[in-house]
Amino acid sequence: MRRLARVPAAAEPEVLAVVAELARRLDERSADIAREMAFMMAHEIDQLDADAKLLEMLEASVQGNITTIIHVLANDIPIDHLQPTTAAVEYALRLAQRDVPSNSLVRAYHMGQGDLMRICHDEISTLDIPARLTLAVLKHTSDVVYSYIDWITLYVFDAYERERSRWMAAQGNLHSAAIHALLSGTNADTAAFEAETGYRLGQNHVALVVWSTWDADVMGINTLDRLVRDLGAAAGADKPPIITAIDRRTVWAWLPFGRRVPAPDPEVLAAAVPLDGGARVAIGLPGSGVEGFKRSHEQATAAYSVAAVPDTPQRPVVSFGDRGVAVVSLLSENIDSTKSWVWEVLGPLADDTPSAASLRTTLSVYFAHGESHLHTANHMNLHRNTVKYRINKALGDPVAAGRDKLDLALALQVCELLGRSVLRPAKTS
């Protein structure tokens, strides 16, 4: 593979000194730059914001590339001495596994290059240096950034293409194109789908998203495939499920139930999930026919969007039918906005502290049990006076006291399902 298209010309010492100062300034806010750049890419380029995990990997890739560029600028490191960051390569592989077009990957790098150069230009304009030196610094910085982007784009594109070829040849992905076409609505020929996959659409289905939180080398596709089949047996499915791998750690599946309308018990399904904690499952509601096949999948991916948010409570099985999941799945699409709303509604109750967590849990159970102190006490195995004390303390806060109970109940559900990702960090002394 061609490793480098162009090497930046050597720069004068005075230019390198200013570039090093620029790198220092960039380093001070590199995390913010990466977060904002990843957000921009995800919203400007199709399919990069498919789910929380993909967004997390995008930000890690952007952060790794920005950190490398800063080191190159600060230390005048030759581009041909570099190795690509693990995060950048892994992100390219994940896009290949998910059938995201390679031009989306390349476009992201070019958008990042333009955004970073704008930031560099703004920083350089604040430096008190002569115009001649300003132009020289801008030229050298542009050369370095261009050369790096040219090199890394070639590298990750090659990794993407090799992974795409390998992935498409994998035995577990034979039905992938047919399933994606059916879900996207581009293929209305149900008879052809059934003939190709052997899966009957004119029946009841329950969709699953099953994924591993561990490295793919520890718990790969074969393990997830077996788990789906175990879940099908636990749920009483009529026949084997249809399964397609989305990436090395994620599969989509549908359990067939013939004419029966299933009512899978999440606790029974959770018992089929290994206790080692590496696998997790999101479940849709039962659906009938082609539309039910699609809708149950939409619900399973919505439940997945809640369960896959970083720092959320770890539950082996999350169902779209679980209390609050349907609504919270919509709110999880914009975590920053949701977090601000939760803080506004709950005030101190949104603090990430044990005392606030105790009050949140008690108040949530209180709302779920018709605002009955007795029923809340029985459910939580607490003394009624303890419940009453906690409720009075929670609702005694001016912020919570002035809020509509529906807002309070929803904000509490968001905290329960999304955890620390929406809580206010505890103050450190």
Protein backbone atom coordinates (compact mmCIF):
# COMPACT_ATOMS: atom_id res chain seq x y z
CA MET A 1 0.00 0.00 0.00
CA ARG A 2 1.19 3.53 -0.78
CA ARG A 3 1.98 4.92 2.69
CA LEU A 4 2.53 8.61 1.97
CA ALA A 5 1.54 10.93 -0.86
CA ARG A 6 3.54 13.97 0.16
CA VAL A 7 6.12 14.92 2.78
CA PRO A 8 5.94 18.45 4.21
CA ALA A 9 8.92 20.65 3.40
CA ALA A 10 11.38 21.38 6.20
CA ALA A 11 10.59 24.56 8.13
CA GLU A 12 12.79 27.22 9.70
CA PRO A 13 13.40 27.02 13.48
CA GLU A 14 11.38 30.18 14.16
CA VAL A 15 8.41 28.67 12.29
CA LEU A 16 8.69 25.41 14.21
CA ALA A 17 8.78 27.32 17.51
CA VAL A 18 5.49 29.07 16.72
CA VAL A 19 3.92 25.83 15.47
CA ALA A 20 4.91 24.18 18.75
CA GLU A 21 3.11 26.97 20.63
CA LEU A 22 0.07 26.42 18.40
CA ALA A 23 0.19 22.69 19.24
CA ARG A 24 0.31 23.50 22.96
CA ARG A 25 -2.81 25.63 22.67
CA LEU A 26 -4.62 22.97 20.67
CA ASP A 27 -3.65 20.32 23.20
CA GLU A 28 -5.29 22.29 26.02
CA ARG A 29 -8.69 21.92 24.38
CA SER A 30 -8.21 18.79 22.29
CA ALA A 31 -11.05 16.92 24.04
CA ASP A 32 -13.52 19.72 23.25
CA ILE A 33 -12.27 19.95 19.66
CA ALA A 34 -12.71 16.20 19.17
CA ARG A 35 -16.19 16.15 20.71
CA GLU A 36 -17.44 19.07 18.61
CA MET A 37 -15.83 17.74 15.44
CA ALA A 38 -17.33 14.27 15.94
CA PHE A 39 -20.75 15.83 16.57
CA MET A 40 -20.44 17.80 13.34
CA MET A 41 -19.44 14.73 11.33
CA ALA A 42 -22.21 12.58 12.78
CA HIS A 43 -24.87 15.11 11.86
CA GLU A 44 -23.50 16.01 8.43
CA ILE A 45 -22.70 12.53 7.11
CA ASP A 46 -25.31 9.80 6.69
CA GLN A 47 -25.07 6.65 8.85
CA LEU A 48 -22.34 7.88 11.19
CA ASP A 49 -24.89 8.45 13.96
CA ALA A 50 -26.52 5.00 13.75
CA ASP A 51 -26.23 4.37 17.48
CA ALA A 52 -24.45 5.45 20.65
CA LYS A 53 -21.63 2.91 20.27
CA LEU A 54 -20.82 4.08 16.76
CA LEU A 55 -20.80 7.70 17.97
CA GLU A 56 -18.49 6.75 20.82
CA MET A 57 -16.09 5.08 18.39
CA LEU A 58 -16.25 8.08 16.05
CA GLU A 59 -15.24 10.45 18.84
CA ALA A 60 -12.43 8.12 19.91
CA SER A 61 -11.15 8.00 16.32
CA VAL A 62 -11.30 11.79 15.98
CA GLN A 63 -9.57 12.22 19.34
CA GLY A 64 -6.80 9.81 18.34
CA ASN A 65 -6.18 11.58 15.05
CA ILE A 66 -6.18 15.05 16.60
CA THR A 67 -3.79 13.92 19.34
CA THR A 68 -1.43 12.52 16.72
CA ILE A 69 -1.54 15.71 14.63
CA ILE A 70 -0.79 17.79 17.74
CA HIS A 71 2.23 15.60 18.53
CA VAL A 72 3.47 15.93 14.96
CA LEU A 73 3.15 19.72 15.08
CA ALA A 74 4.71 20.01 18.54
CA ASN A 75 7.70 17.79 17.86
CA ASP A 76 8.22 18.08 14.07
CA ILE A 77 7.73 14.32 13.66
CA PRO A 78 8.07 12.99 10.09
CA ILE A 79 4.76 11.67 8.78
CA ASP A 80 6.38 8.49 7.49
CA HIS A 81 7.43 7.62 11.07
CA LEU A 82 3.83 7.38 12.25
CA GLN A 83 1.57 4.45 13.01
CA PRO A 84 -2.23 4.91 12.82
CA THR A 85 -4.09 5.00 16.12
CA THR A 86 -5.97 1.85 17.09
CA ALA A 87 -9.20 3.84 17.43
CA ALA A 88 -8.96 5.13 13.85
CA VAL A 89 -8.42 1.66 12.38
CA GLU A 90 -11.10 0.04 14.54
CA TYR A 91 -13.60 2.68 13.49
CA ALA A 92 -12.88 2.03 9.83
CA LEU A 93 -13.34 -1.71 10.38
CA ARG A 94 -16.64 -1.15 12.18
CA LEU A 95 -17.97 0.98 9.31
CA ALA A 96 -16.98 -1.78 6.87
CA GLN A 97 -18.79 -4.38 8.96
CA ARG A 98 -21.91 -2.21 9.07
CA ASP A 99 -21.96 -1.60 5.32
CA VAL A 100 -21.49 2.15 5.74
CA PRO A 101 -20.18 3.45 2.38
CA SER A 102 -16.44 4.07 2.25
CA ASN A 103 -17.03 7.56 0.89
CA SER A 104 -18.60 8.44 4.26
CA LEU A 105 -15.32 7.53 5.94
CA VAL A 106 -13.23 9.54 3.46
CA ARG A 107 -15.61 12.49 3.66
CA ALA A 108 -15.33 12.52 7.46
CA TYR A 109 -11.55 12.89 7.21
CA HIS A 110 -11.78 15.74 4.73
CA MET A 111 -14.42 17.52 6.83
CA GLY A 112 -12.18 17.08 9.86
CA GLN A 113 -9.23 18.50 7.95
CA GLY A 114 -11.20 21.60 7.01
CA ASP A 115 -12.51 22.10 10.54
CA LEU A 116 -9.09 21.66 12.12
CA MET A 117 -7.48 24.14 9.74
CA ARG A 118 -10.17 26.69 10.60
CA ILE A 119 -9.35 26.23 14.28
CA CYS A 120 -5.62 26.53 13.59
CA HIS A 121 -6.18 29.69 11.57
CA ASP A 122 -8.17 31.24 14.41
CA GLU A 123 -5.45 30.37 16.94
CA ILE A 124 -2.62 31.67 14.76
CA SER A 125 -4.46 34.95 14.20
CA THR A 126 -4.31 35.60 17.97
CA LEU A 127 -0.51 35.28 18.08
CA ASP A 128 1.53 38.47 18.18
CA ILE A 129 3.87 37.64 15.31
CA PRO A 130 4.84 39.43 12.06
CA ALA A 131 2.71 38.89 8.96
CA ARG A 132 5.61 37.16 7.19
CA LEU A 133 5.92 34.61 10.00
CA THR A 134 2.14 34.18 10.18
CA LEU A 135 2.04 33.12 6.54
CA ALA A 136 4.95 30.73 7.01
CA VAL A 137 3.31 29.13 10.07
CA LEU A 138 -0.02 28.76 8.25
CA LYS A 139 1.70 27.16 5.27
CA HIS A 140 3.68 24.68 7.38
CA THR A 141 0.66 23.80 9.50
CA SER A 142 -1.46 23.28 6.40
CA ASP A 143 1.23 21.10 4.82
CA VAL A 144 1.47 18.91 7.93
CA VAL A 145 -2.28 18.52 8.34
CA TYR A 146 -2.78 17.81 4.63
CA SER A 147 0.02 15.24 4.56
CA TYR A 148 -1.29 13.52 7.68
CA ILE A 149 -4.86 13.35 6.36
CA ASP A 150 -3.61 12.07 3.01
CA TRP A 151 -1.58 9.34 4.74
CA ILE A 152 -4.20 8.26 7.28
CA THR A 153 -6.99 8.26 4.68
CA LEU A 154 -5.02 5.90 2.47
CA TYR A 155 -4.33 3.67 5.46
CA VAL A 156 -7.86 3.42 6.86
CA PHE A 157 -9.42 3.13 3.39
CA ASP A 158 -7.20 0.13 2.67
CA ALA A 159 -8.16 -1.39 6.04
CA TYR A 160 -11.83 -0.72 5.26
CA GLU A 161 -11.67 -2.42 1.85
CA ARG A 162 -9.90 -5.51 3.17
CA GLU A 163 -12.35 -5.84 6.05
CA ARG A 164 -15.35 -5.34 3.75
CA SER A 165 -14.19 -8.16 1.49
CA ARG A 166 -13.55 -10.45 4.44
CA TRP A 167 -16.84 -9.56 6.12
CA MET A 168 -18.99 -10.12 3.05
CA ALA A 169 -17.42 -13.54 2.59
CA ALA A 170 -18.18 -14.58 6.18
CA GLN A 171 -20.64 -17.45 6.47
CA GLY A 172 -22.86 -15.62 8.94
CA ASN A 173 -23.68 -12.76 6.57
CA LEU A 174 -25.29 -14.57 3.66
CA HIS A 175 -28.71 -13.10 4.44
CA SER A 176 -27.48 -9.59 5.27
CA ALA A 177 -28.34 -7.93 1.95
CA ALA A 178 -31.84 -9.43 1.86
CA ILE A 179 -32.59 -8.35 5.43
CA HIS A 180 -31.29 -4.81 4.92
CA ALA A 181 -33.27 -4.46 1.69
CA LEU A 182 -36.47 -5.61 3.42
CA LEU A 183 -35.95 -3.23 6.36
CA SER A 184 -35.21 -0.29 4.09
CA GLY A 185 -38.28 -0.91 1.96
CA THR A 186 -36.30 -1.29 -1.26
CA ASN A 187 -37.41 -4.89 -1.73
CA ALA A 188 -41.13 -5.64 -1.52
CA ASP A 189 -40.76 -9.16 -2.94
CA THR A 190 -41.49 -11.15 0.21
CA ALA A 191 -41.58 -14.41 -1.73
CA ALA A 192 -38.00 -13.85 -2.93
CA PHE A 193 -36.91 -12.99 0.63
CA GLU A 194 -38.47 -16.18 2.00
CA ALA A 195 -36.97 -18.29 -0.78
CA GLU A 196 -33.49 -16.88 -0.17
CA THR A 197 -33.50 -16.93 3.63
CA GLY A 198 -35.88 -19.78 4.44
CA TYR A 199 -37.61 -17.52 6.96
CA ARG A 200 -41.39 -17.04 6.68
CA LEU A 201 -42.63 -13.45 6.99
CA GLY A 202 -46.36 -14.24 7.31
CA GLN A 203 -46.19 -15.03 11.02
CA ASN A 204 -45.49 -13.39 14.40
CA HIS A 205 -41.96 -12.27 15.20
CA VAL A 206 -39.95 -10.89 18.09
CA ALA A 207 -36.83 -8.96 17.08
CA LEU A 208 -33.59 -8.92 19.07
CA VAL A 209 -30.39 -6.94 19.07
CA VAL A 210 -27.68 -8.95 20.79
CA TRP A 211 -24.22 -7.56 21.42
CA SER A 212 -21.03 -8.11 23.35
CA THR A 213 -19.47 -5.53 25.65
CA TRP A 214 -16.21 -7.48 25.49
CA ASP A 215 -13.55 -7.69 22.81
CA ALA A 216 -14.68 -9.57 19.72
CA ASP A 217 -11.81 -12.04 20.21
CA VAL A 218 -13.33 -13.03 23.58
CA MET A 219 -17.00 -13.12 22.59
CA GLY A 220 -17.39 -13.13 18.82
CA ILE A 221 -20.16 -13.74 16.30
CA ASN A 222 -20.31 -17.51 16.84
CA THR A 223 -20.91 -17.03 20.57
CA LEU A 224 -23.63 -14.45 19.91
CA ASP A 225 -25.21 -16.78 17.33
CA ARG A 226 -25.44 -19.54 19.93
CA LEU A 227 -26.87 -17.12 22.46
CA VAL A 228 -29.65 -16.07 20.06
CA ARG A 229 -30.59 -19.71 19.55
CA ASP A 230 -30.64 -20.24 23.33
CA LEU A 231 -32.90 -17.20 23.66
CA GLY A 232 -35.20 -18.62 21.01
CA ALA A 233 -35.47 -21.88 22.94
CA ALA A 234 -36.12 -20.01 26.20
CA ALA A 235 -38.84 -17.92 24.55
CA GLY A 236 -40.48 -20.98 22.99
CA ALA A 237 -39.90 -20.01 19.36
CA ASP A 238 -41.43 -22.37 16.80
CA LYS A 239 -38.36 -22.64 14.55
CA PRO A 240 -34.74 -21.45 14.38
CA PRO A 241 -34.29 -17.65 14.26
CA ILE A 242 -32.97 -15.65 11.36
CA ILE A 243 -29.72 -13.92 12.29
CA THR A 244 -27.43 -11.40 10.61
CA ALA A 245 -24.18 -9.98 11.96
CA ILE A 246 -23.97 -6.17 12.00
CA ASP A 247 -20.37 -6.03 13.17
CA ARG A 248 -17.99 -8.26 15.11
CA ARG A 249 -19.83 -7.57 18.36
CA THR A 250 -23.45 -7.13 17.27
CA VAL A 251 -26.15 -9.28 15.64
CA TRP A 252 -29.75 -8.66 14.67
CA ALA A 253 -32.17 -11.54 14.97
CA TRP A 254 -35.87 -12.43 14.74
CA LEU A 255 -37.56 -15.26 16.64
CA PRO A 256 -40.48 -16.90 14.74
CA PHE A 257 -43.70 -17.85 16.55
CA GLY A 258 -46.07 -18.92 13.78
CA ARG A 259 -49.65 -17.88 14.50
CA ARG A 260 -49.08 -17.68 18.25
CA VAL A 261 -48.82 -14.20 19.77
CA PRO A 262 -45.79 -14.55 22.05
CA ALA A 263 -45.29 -12.84 25.36
CA PRO A 264 -41.59 -13.34 26.13
CA ASP A 265 -40.77 -12.92 29.81
CA PRO A 266 -37.64 -10.74 30.13
CA GLU A 267 -36.70 -12.55 33.34
CA VAL A 268 -36.84 -15.92 31.58
CA LEU A 269 -34.76 -14.55 28.72
CA ALA A 270 -32.28 -12.98 31.13
CA ALA A 271 -31.75 -16.42 32.66
CA ALA A 272 -30.55 -17.62 29.24
CA VAL A 273 -27.88 -14.90 29.07
CA PRO A 274 -24.47 -15.98 30.46
CA LEU A 275 -23.83 -14.63 33.93
CA ASP A 276 -20.31 -13.40 33.05
CA GLY A 277 -21.79 -10.06 31.95
CA GLY A 278 -20.25 -9.91 28.50
CA ALA A 279 -23.47 -10.25 26.49
CA ARG A 280 -26.52 -8.01 26.42
CA VAL A 281 -29.89 -8.22 24.69
CA ALA A 282 -32.46 -5.66 23.51
CA ILE A 283 -35.95 -6.91 22.62
CA GLY A 284 -38.78 -5.52 20.53
CA LEU A 285 -42.47 -6.26 21.04
CA PRO A 286 -44.20 -9.03 19.08
CA GLY A 287 -45.19 -8.06 15.53
CA SER A 288 -47.07 -9.78 12.72
CA GLY A 289 -46.21 -10.05 9.04
CA VAL A 290 -43.75 -7.89 7.13
CA GLU A 291 -44.68 -4.71 8.99
CA GLY A 292 -44.41 -6.51 12.32
CA PHE A 293 -40.98 -7.81 11.29
CA LYS A 294 -39.88 -4.23 10.69
CA ARG A 295 -41.63 -2.63 13.66
CA SER A 296 -40.34 -5.15 16.19
CA HIS A 297 -36.83 -4.48 14.86
CA GLU A 298 -37.33 -0.72 15.22
CA GLN A 299 -38.37 -1.29 18.82
CA ALA A 300 -35.41 -3.58 19.54
CA THR A 301 -32.98 -1.00 18.14
CA ALA A 302 -34.71 1.71 20.21
CA ALA A 303 -34.19 -0.39 23.36
CA TYR A 304 -30.59 -0.93 22.24
CA SER A 305 -30.13 2.84 21.91
CA VAL A 306 -31.00 3.15 25.61
CA ALA A 307 -28.92 0.21 26.83
CA ALA A 308 -25.84 1.07 24.76
CA VAL A 309 -25.40 4.63 26.04
CA PRO A 310 -22.01 4.76 27.84
CA ASP A 311 -22.13 4.54 31.66
CA THR A 312 -25.70 3.23 31.74
CA PRO A 313 -26.77 0.62 34.30
CA GLN A 314 -25.76 -2.83 33.11
CA ARG A 315 -28.81 -5.06 32.61
CA PRO A 316 -28.56 -8.31 30.62
CA VAL A 317 -31.95 -7.80 28.91
CA VAL A 318 -33.72 -4.53 28.04
CA SER A 319 -37.16 -4.67 26.40
CA PHE A 320 -38.92 -1.92 24.50
CA GLY A 321 -41.89 -2.80 26.69
CA ASP A 322 -40.03 -2.08 29.94
CA ARG A 323 -41.32 0.92 31.86
CA GLY A 324 -39.98 4.14 30.36
CA VAL A 325 -37.80 2.59 27.64
CA ALA A 326 -39.93 3.74 24.68
CA VAL A 327 -39.89 7.40 25.73
CA VAL A 328 -36.30 7.40 26.98
CA SER A 329 -35.15 5.91 23.66
CA LEU A 330 -36.27 9.14 21.99
CA LEU A 331 -34.53 11.27 24.61
CA SER A 332 -31.31 9.25 24.29
CA GLU A 333 -30.87 10.55 20.74
CA ASN A 334 -29.55 13.84 22.15
CA ILE A 335 -27.84 13.11 25.45
CA ASP A 336 -26.50 16.63 26.01
CA SER A 337 -29.95 18.21 25.65
CA THR A 338 -31.57 15.50 27.76
CA LYS A 339 -28.96 15.92 30.48
CA SER A 340 -29.60 19.66 30.66
CA TRP A 341 -33.35 19.04 30.91
CA VAL A 342 -32.88 16.46 33.70
CA TRP A 343 -30.76 18.90 35.70
CA GLU A 344 -33.36 21.64 35.24
CA VAL A 345 -36.23 19.39 36.34
CA LEU A 346 -34.60 17.56 39.24
CA GLY A 347 -32.18 20.13 40.61
CA PRO A 348 -30.06 18.53 43.40
CA LEU A 349 -31.85 15.22 42.83
CA ALA A 350 -29.81 14.90 39.62
CA ASP A 351 -26.53 14.79 41.59
CA ASP A 352 -24.42 11.67 41.15
CA THR A 353 -24.31 10.90 44.87
CA PRO A 354 -25.60 7.97 46.98
CA SER A 355 -28.02 10.21 48.89
CA ALA A 356 -29.53 11.69 45.70
CA ALA A 357 -29.75 8.18 44.18
CA SER A 358 -31.69 6.97 47.23
CA LEU A 359 -34.15 9.86 46.96
CA ARG A 360 -34.55 9.35 43.19
CA THR A 361 -35.29 5.65 43.57
CA THR A 362 -37.82 6.19 46.36
CA LEU A 363 -39.60 9.01 44.51
CA SER A 364 -39.74 6.99 41.29
CA VAL A 365 -41.29 3.99 43.08
CA TYR A 366 -43.67 6.38 44.85
CA PHE A 367 -44.96 7.75 41.53
CA ALA A 368 -45.18 4.23 40.06
CA HIS A 369 -47.36 3.09 43.00
CA GLY A 370 -50.00 5.80 42.84
CA GLU A 371 -48.20 8.11 45.30
CA SER A 372 -48.92 5.69 48.14
CA HIS A 373 -46.43 5.72 51.01
CA LEU A 374 -47.66 2.28 52.12
CA HIS A 375 -47.32 0.60 48.73
CA THR A 376 -43.91 2.22 48.22
CA ALA A 377 -42.75 0.97 51.62
CA ASN A 378 -43.96 -2.54 50.86
CA HIS A 379 -42.29 -2.59 47.44
CA MET A 380 -38.96 -1.32 48.77
CA ASN A 381 -39.13 -3.25 52.05
CA LEU A 382 -38.79 -0.03 54.04
CA HIS A 383 -40.62 1.42 57.02
CA ARG A 384 -43.45 3.73 56.02
CA ASN A 385 -41.92 6.62 57.98
CA THR A 386 -38.63 6.19 56.10
CA VAL A 387 -40.48 6.47 52.80
CA LYS A 388 -42.40 9.50 54.00
CA TYR A 389 -39.19 11.20 55.13
CA ARG A 390 -37.48 10.59 51.77
CA ILE A 391 -40.47 11.78 49.75
CA ASN A 392 -40.78 14.95 51.82
CA LYS A 393 -37.07 15.61 51.41
CA ALA A 394 -37.15 14.99 47.65
CA LEU A 395 -40.23 17.12 47.03
CA GLY A 396 -39.14 19.72 49.57
CA ASP A 397 -36.43 20.98 47.23
CA PRO A 398 -37.65 24.21 45.55
CA VAL A 399 -36.67 22.99 42.08
CA ALA A 400 -38.52 19.65 42.28
CA ALA A 401 -41.44 21.15 44.21
CA GLY A 402 -42.22 23.59 41.41
CA ARG A 403 -42.25 20.95 38.67
CA ASP A 404 -45.12 19.03 37.12
CA LYS A 405 -45.26 15.46 38.45
CA LEU A 406 -45.23 14.03 34.92
CA ASP A 407 -41.94 15.84 34.22
CA LEU A 408 -40.51 14.62 37.52
CA ALA A 409 -41.53 11.02 36.87
CA LEU A 410 -40.05 11.08 33.35
CA ALA A 411 -36.80 12.70 34.49
CA LEU A 412 -36.48 10.01 37.18
CA GLN A 413 -36.99 7.32 34.54
CA VAL A 414 -34.29 8.90 32.39
CA CYS A 415 -31.88 8.78 35.36
CA GLU A 416 -32.76 5.16 36.06
CA LEU A 417 -32.19 4.02 32.48
CA LEU A 418 -29.35 6.29 31.33
CA GLY A 419 -27.48 6.52 34.63
CA ARG A 420 -24.36 8.64 34.93
CA SER A 421 -24.57 9.88 31.37
CA VAL A 422 -27.32 12.31 32.49
CA LEU A 423 -26.36 12.88 36.14
CA ARG A 424 -24.52 15.91 37.53
CA PRO A 425 -20.99 14.85 38.55
CA ALA A 426 -20.37 14.93 42.28
CA LYS A 427 -18.21 17.82 43.45
CA THR A 428 -14.71 16.84 44.51
CA SER A 429 -13.10 18.53 47.47
